[in-house]
N, C-alpha and C. Protein backbone atom coordinates (compact mmCIF):
# COMPACT_ATOMS: atom_id res chain seq x y z
N UNK A 1 -17.25 2.46 7.39
CA UNK A 1 -16.98 2.18 6.00
C UNK A 1 -18.23 2.42 5.19
N UNK A 2 -18.02 2.88 4.01
CA UNK A 2 -19.18 3.15 3.18
C UNK A 2 -19.37 2.05 2.15
N UNK A 3 -20.58 1.82 1.79
CA UNK A 3 -20.90 0.84 0.76
C UNK A 3 -21.12 1.59 -0.54
N UNK A 4 -20.36 1.24 -1.55
CA UNK A 4 -20.47 1.92 -2.83
C UNK A 4 -21.30 1.05 -3.77
N UNK A 5 -22.32 1.61 -4.32
CA UNK A 5 -23.14 0.91 -5.30
C UNK A 5 -23.45 1.89 -6.42
N UNK A 6 -23.11 1.50 -7.63
CA UNK A 6 -23.32 2.36 -8.80
C UNK A 6 -24.06 1.52 -9.85
N UNK A 7 -25.10 2.06 -10.38
CA UNK A 7 -25.79 1.36 -11.46
C UNK A 7 -25.19 1.80 -12.78
N UNK A 8 -24.84 0.81 -13.61
CA UNK A 8 -24.30 1.10 -14.92
C UNK A 8 -25.44 1.12 -15.93
N UNK A 9 -25.59 2.21 -16.61
CA UNK A 9 -26.65 2.33 -17.60
C UNK A 9 -26.05 2.18 -19.00
N UNK A 10 -26.74 1.52 -19.87
CA UNK A 10 -26.29 1.30 -21.24
C UNK A 10 -27.24 1.93 -22.25
N UNK A 11 -26.66 2.30 -23.37
CA UNK A 11 -27.44 2.76 -24.51
C UNK A 11 -27.37 1.65 -25.55
N UNK A 12 -28.11 0.58 -25.31
CA UNK A 12 -28.05 -0.61 -26.15
C UNK A 12 -28.46 -0.34 -27.59
N UNK A 13 -29.34 0.59 -27.80
CA UNK A 13 -29.82 0.88 -29.15
C UNK A 13 -28.94 1.91 -29.86
N UNK A 14 -27.96 2.44 -29.16
CA UNK A 14 -27.06 3.46 -29.72
C UNK A 14 -27.82 4.66 -30.26
N UNK A 15 -28.88 5.05 -29.54
CA UNK A 15 -29.68 6.19 -30.00
C UNK A 15 -29.51 7.41 -29.09
N UNK A 16 -28.51 7.37 -28.20
CA UNK A 16 -28.26 8.51 -27.34
C UNK A 16 -29.07 8.55 -26.07
N UNK A 17 -29.91 7.55 -25.85
CA UNK A 17 -30.69 7.51 -24.63
C UNK A 17 -30.35 6.25 -23.84
N UNK A 18 -30.39 6.38 -22.55
CA UNK A 18 -30.12 5.24 -21.68
C UNK A 18 -31.38 4.41 -21.60
N UNK A 19 -31.23 3.11 -21.89
CA UNK A 19 -32.43 2.30 -21.92
C UNK A 19 -32.27 0.95 -21.22
N UNK A 20 -31.11 0.65 -20.70
CA UNK A 20 -30.95 -0.61 -20.00
C UNK A 20 -30.05 -0.40 -18.78
N UNK A 21 -30.25 -1.20 -17.78
CA UNK A 21 -29.37 -1.18 -16.62
C UNK A 21 -28.59 -2.47 -16.61
N UNK A 22 -27.28 -2.37 -16.46
CA UNK A 22 -26.40 -3.53 -16.51
C UNK A 22 -25.82 -3.84 -15.14
N UNK A 23 -26.62 -4.21 -14.19
CA UNK A 23 -26.13 -4.65 -12.90
C UNK A 23 -25.67 -3.56 -11.96
N UNK A 24 -25.16 -3.98 -10.84
CA UNK A 24 -24.75 -3.07 -9.78
C UNK A 24 -23.27 -3.26 -9.49
N UNK A 25 -22.53 -2.16 -9.42
CA UNK A 25 -21.12 -2.20 -9.06
C UNK A 25 -21.06 -2.08 -7.55
N UNK A 26 -20.36 -3.00 -6.91
CA UNK A 26 -20.28 -2.96 -5.45
C UNK A 26 -18.83 -3.01 -4.97
N UNK A 27 -18.64 -2.54 -3.79
CA UNK A 27 -17.36 -2.62 -3.09
C UNK A 27 -17.49 -3.85 -2.20
N UNK A 28 -17.00 -5.00 -2.66
CA UNK A 28 -17.23 -6.28 -1.98
C UNK A 28 -16.77 -6.29 -0.53
N UNK A 29 -15.62 -5.68 -0.23
CA UNK A 29 -15.13 -5.70 1.14
C UNK A 29 -15.50 -4.44 1.92
N UNK A 30 -16.25 -3.55 1.29
CA UNK A 30 -16.77 -2.33 1.91
C UNK A 30 -15.69 -1.47 2.57
N UNK A 31 -14.53 -1.35 1.87
CA UNK A 31 -13.46 -0.50 2.39
C UNK A 31 -13.41 0.87 1.71
N UNK A 32 -14.36 1.13 0.82
CA UNK A 32 -14.41 2.42 0.14
C UNK A 32 -13.66 2.46 -1.17
N UNK A 33 -13.14 1.31 -1.62
CA UNK A 33 -12.37 1.25 -2.87
C UNK A 33 -12.93 0.15 -3.76
N UNK A 34 -13.10 0.47 -5.03
CA UNK A 34 -13.63 -0.50 -5.98
C UNK A 34 -12.51 -1.33 -6.60
N UNK A 35 -12.87 -2.54 -7.02
CA UNK A 35 -11.93 -3.41 -7.72
C UNK A 35 -11.65 -2.86 -9.12
N UNK A 36 -10.49 -3.21 -9.71
CA UNK A 36 -10.16 -2.75 -11.06
C UNK A 36 -11.24 -3.10 -12.10
N UNK A 37 -11.93 -4.21 -11.91
CA UNK A 37 -12.98 -4.60 -12.86
C UNK A 37 -14.09 -3.56 -12.93
N UNK A 38 -14.23 -2.76 -11.87
CA UNK A 38 -15.27 -1.73 -11.82
C UNK A 38 -14.66 -0.33 -11.93
N UNK A 39 -13.43 -0.26 -12.41
CA UNK A 39 -12.79 1.03 -12.61
C UNK A 39 -12.07 1.57 -11.39
N UNK A 40 -11.92 0.74 -10.37
CA UNK A 40 -11.25 1.17 -9.15
C UNK A 40 -9.80 0.72 -9.08
N UNK A 41 -9.18 0.93 -7.93
CA UNK A 41 -7.78 0.57 -7.77
C UNK A 41 -7.53 -0.27 -6.51
N UNK A 42 -8.56 -0.98 -6.04
CA UNK A 42 -8.43 -1.88 -4.90
C UNK A 42 -7.90 -3.21 -5.42
N UNK A 43 -6.66 -3.55 -5.07
CA UNK A 43 -6.04 -4.76 -5.62
C UNK A 43 -6.54 -6.04 -4.96
N UNK A 44 -7.34 -5.94 -3.91
CA UNK A 44 -7.92 -7.11 -3.27
C UNK A 44 -9.27 -6.72 -2.69
N UNK A 45 -10.30 -6.80 -3.51
CA UNK A 45 -11.62 -6.34 -3.07
C UNK A 45 -12.34 -7.34 -2.17
N UNK A 46 -11.61 -8.34 -1.70
CA UNK A 46 -12.20 -9.28 -0.75
C UNK A 46 -11.60 -9.12 0.64
N UNK A 47 -10.63 -8.19 0.79
CA UNK A 47 -9.97 -7.96 2.08
C UNK A 47 -9.98 -6.47 2.40
N UNK A 48 -10.74 -6.04 3.41
CA UNK A 48 -10.85 -4.61 3.71
C UNK A 48 -9.56 -3.97 4.22
N UNK A 49 -8.57 -4.77 4.60
CA UNK A 49 -7.30 -4.20 5.07
C UNK A 49 -6.33 -3.94 3.92
N UNK A 50 -6.73 -4.28 2.70
CA UNK A 50 -5.89 -4.06 1.52
C UNK A 50 -6.61 -3.10 0.58
N UNK A 51 -5.99 -1.92 0.39
CA UNK A 51 -6.51 -0.90 -0.52
C UNK A 51 -5.43 0.16 -0.70
N UNK A 52 -5.55 1.06 -1.67
CA UNK A 52 -4.48 2.02 -1.96
C UNK A 52 -4.01 2.91 -0.81
N UNK A 53 -4.83 3.16 0.19
CA UNK A 53 -4.42 4.00 1.31
C UNK A 53 -4.10 3.21 2.58
N UNK A 54 -4.01 1.90 2.47
CA UNK A 54 -3.75 1.06 3.64
C UNK A 54 -2.29 1.18 4.08
N UNK A 55 -2.05 1.11 5.38
CA UNK A 55 -0.66 1.12 5.85
C UNK A 55 0.01 -0.23 5.55
N UNK A 56 1.29 -0.19 5.24
CA UNK A 56 2.06 -1.41 4.99
C UNK A 56 2.54 -1.99 6.32
N UNK A 57 2.63 -3.31 6.40
CA UNK A 57 3.14 -4.02 7.57
C UNK A 57 4.18 -5.03 7.10
N UNK A 58 5.05 -5.46 7.98
CA UNK A 58 6.06 -6.47 7.67
C UNK A 58 5.41 -7.84 7.69
N UNK A 59 4.70 -8.17 6.61
CA UNK A 59 3.98 -9.43 6.56
C UNK A 59 4.02 -10.11 5.20
N UNK A 60 4.80 -9.58 4.27
CA UNK A 60 4.90 -10.19 2.95
C UNK A 60 3.72 -9.92 2.05
N UNK A 61 2.86 -8.96 2.42
CA UNK A 61 1.66 -8.62 1.65
C UNK A 61 1.75 -7.16 1.19
N UNK A 62 1.30 -6.89 -0.01
CA UNK A 62 1.25 -5.52 -0.53
C UNK A 62 -0.09 -4.91 -0.14
N UNK A 63 -0.16 -4.33 1.06
CA UNK A 63 -1.43 -3.77 1.55
C UNK A 63 -1.87 -2.51 0.82
N UNK A 64 -0.94 -1.71 0.30
CA UNK A 64 -1.32 -0.43 -0.30
C UNK A 64 -1.42 -0.46 -1.83
N UNK A 65 -1.42 -1.65 -2.41
CA UNK A 65 -1.68 -1.85 -3.84
C UNK A 65 -0.71 -1.11 -4.76
N UNK A 66 0.53 -0.91 -4.33
CA UNK A 66 1.50 -0.23 -5.20
C UNK A 66 2.47 -1.20 -5.86
N UNK A 67 2.20 -2.49 -5.77
CA UNK A 67 2.98 -3.60 -6.32
C UNK A 67 4.32 -3.80 -5.62
N UNK A 68 4.57 -3.10 -4.51
CA UNK A 68 5.79 -3.30 -3.73
C UNK A 68 5.39 -3.84 -2.36
N UNK A 69 5.95 -4.97 -1.99
CA UNK A 69 5.61 -5.62 -0.72
C UNK A 69 6.42 -5.00 0.42
N UNK A 70 5.74 -4.68 1.50
CA UNK A 70 6.36 -4.21 2.75
C UNK A 70 7.20 -2.94 2.60
N UNK A 71 6.82 -2.03 1.71
CA UNK A 71 7.55 -0.77 1.56
C UNK A 71 7.06 0.24 2.61
N UNK A 72 7.98 0.87 3.31
CA UNK A 72 7.69 1.84 4.37
C UNK A 72 6.68 1.28 5.38
N UNK A 73 6.98 0.14 5.98
CA UNK A 73 6.03 -0.48 6.91
C UNK A 73 5.92 0.28 8.23
N UNK A 74 4.70 0.32 8.77
CA UNK A 74 4.47 1.00 10.04
C UNK A 74 5.10 0.24 11.21
N UNK A 75 5.36 -1.04 11.03
CA UNK A 75 5.97 -1.83 12.09
C UNK A 75 7.42 -2.22 11.77
N UNK A 76 8.04 -1.51 10.85
CA UNK A 76 9.42 -1.79 10.47
C UNK A 76 10.43 -1.18 11.43
N UNK A 77 11.68 -1.49 11.21
CA UNK A 77 12.77 -0.94 12.01
C UNK A 77 13.38 0.24 11.26
N UNK A 78 14.02 1.14 12.00
CA UNK A 78 14.73 2.26 11.39
C UNK A 78 16.19 1.86 11.20
N UNK A 79 16.66 2.00 9.98
CA UNK A 79 18.05 1.69 9.66
C UNK A 79 18.76 2.99 9.33
N UNK A 80 20.00 3.12 9.81
CA UNK A 80 20.79 4.33 9.59
C UNK A 80 22.12 3.94 8.94
N UNK A 81 22.66 4.81 8.12
CA UNK A 81 23.97 4.60 7.55
C UNK A 81 25.02 4.77 8.65
N UNK A 82 25.86 3.77 8.84
CA UNK A 82 26.91 3.81 9.85
C UNK A 82 28.26 3.70 9.14
N UNK A 83 28.53 4.69 8.29
CA UNK A 83 29.73 4.66 7.45
C UNK A 83 31.03 4.56 8.22
N UNK A 84 31.10 5.09 9.44
CA UNK A 84 32.35 5.04 10.19
C UNK A 84 32.43 3.83 11.13
N UNK A 85 31.43 2.98 11.06
CA UNK A 85 31.39 1.72 11.82
C UNK A 85 31.54 1.89 13.33
N UNK A 86 31.02 2.99 13.86
CA UNK A 86 31.11 3.20 15.31
C UNK A 86 29.88 2.69 16.06
N UNK A 87 28.93 2.11 15.33
CA UNK A 87 27.72 1.59 15.96
C UNK A 87 26.60 2.59 16.09
N UNK A 88 26.85 3.83 15.63
CA UNK A 88 25.83 4.87 15.66
C UNK A 88 25.58 5.36 14.24
N UNK A 89 24.33 5.38 13.85
CA UNK A 89 23.99 5.82 12.50
C UNK A 89 24.15 7.32 12.33
N UNK A 90 24.32 7.73 11.09
CA UNK A 90 24.45 9.15 10.77
C UNK A 90 23.08 9.81 10.74
N UNK A 91 22.94 11.00 11.33
CA UNK A 91 21.66 11.73 11.29
C UNK A 91 21.21 11.97 9.85
N UNK A 92 19.91 11.88 9.63
CA UNK A 92 19.36 12.15 8.30
C UNK A 92 19.48 11.00 7.31
N UNK A 93 19.92 9.84 7.77
CA UNK A 93 20.08 8.71 6.85
C UNK A 93 19.10 7.58 7.16
N UNK A 94 18.08 7.87 7.91
CA UNK A 94 17.13 6.85 8.35
C UNK A 94 16.25 6.34 7.21
N UNK A 95 16.07 5.01 7.19
CA UNK A 95 15.16 4.33 6.27
C UNK A 95 14.36 3.35 7.11
N UNK A 96 13.04 3.32 6.93
CA UNK A 96 12.21 2.36 7.65
C UNK A 96 11.95 1.17 6.74
N UNK A 97 12.29 -0.02 7.23
CA UNK A 97 12.13 -1.24 6.43
C UNK A 97 11.96 -2.43 7.36
N UNK A 98 11.60 -3.57 6.80
CA UNK A 98 11.45 -4.78 7.59
C UNK A 98 12.80 -5.42 7.87
N UNK A 99 13.72 -5.29 6.91
CA UNK A 99 15.07 -5.83 7.04
C UNK A 99 15.98 -5.09 6.08
N UNK A 100 17.28 -5.26 6.28
CA UNK A 100 18.23 -4.63 5.37
C UNK A 100 18.09 -5.30 4.01
N UNK A 101 17.96 -4.51 2.97
CA UNK A 101 17.79 -5.05 1.63
C UNK A 101 19.04 -5.79 1.17
N UNK A 102 18.84 -6.82 0.39
CA UNK A 102 19.97 -7.59 -0.15
C UNK A 102 20.88 -6.66 -0.95
N UNK A 103 22.17 -6.84 -0.78
CA UNK A 103 23.12 -6.03 -1.51
C UNK A 103 23.49 -4.73 -0.84
N UNK A 104 22.83 -4.38 0.27
CA UNK A 104 23.17 -3.15 0.98
C UNK A 104 24.48 -3.37 1.73
N UNK A 105 25.23 -2.31 1.93
CA UNK A 105 26.48 -2.46 2.66
C UNK A 105 26.23 -2.85 4.11
N UNK A 106 27.21 -3.45 4.73
CA UNK A 106 27.05 -3.85 6.12
C UNK A 106 27.26 -2.68 7.06
N UNK A 107 27.44 -1.49 6.53
CA UNK A 107 27.61 -0.31 7.36
C UNK A 107 26.27 0.31 7.69
N UNK A 108 25.32 -0.54 8.05
CA UNK A 108 23.97 -0.10 8.41
C UNK A 108 23.75 -0.44 9.87
N UNK A 109 23.19 0.48 10.62
CA UNK A 109 22.93 0.28 12.03
C UNK A 109 21.43 0.32 12.28
N UNK A 110 20.95 -0.48 13.21
CA UNK A 110 19.54 -0.43 13.61
C UNK A 110 19.42 0.31 14.93
N UNK A 111 20.41 1.10 15.25
CA UNK A 111 20.38 1.88 16.50
C UNK A 111 19.12 2.73 16.53
N UNK A 112 18.52 2.82 17.71
CA UNK A 112 17.28 3.59 17.82
C UNK A 112 17.55 5.08 17.74
N UNK A 113 18.78 5.48 17.99
CA UNK A 113 19.12 6.90 17.88
C UNK A 113 20.36 7.04 17.00
N UNK A 114 20.36 7.95 16.06
CA UNK A 114 21.49 8.05 15.16
C UNK A 114 22.64 8.89 15.74
N UNK A 115 22.53 9.30 16.98
CA UNK A 115 23.57 10.12 17.58
C UNK A 115 24.10 9.47 18.84
N UNK A 116 25.26 9.86 19.23
CA UNK A 116 25.87 9.31 20.46
C UNK A 116 25.16 9.85 21.69
N UNK A 117 25.10 9.05 22.75
CA UNK A 117 24.46 9.50 23.99
C UNK A 117 25.27 10.60 24.66
């Protein structure tokens, strides 16, 4: 992980020259992403596992800072549309999620293969 430190320079006299330094911008959790206060997009600069490129997990936390919790989790299940209710999902209808979303039809299968053996 890299440590990001940027010095902010100010033109306090408004004369076109930099004449003051206003502190150091740091990446507190050293994950390579700055907090929004420093112009970055790390939604939790105190946790290195949370940043815009982090993988999502089924844990109720928005790890990738997109304001959606547990979307496309790496540890989720594959759900398939089972419109004919035969217990086998239709090919090409796979969605990875932690659970079936509220309001979804019950014609969803968690079969590991969407085709018949």
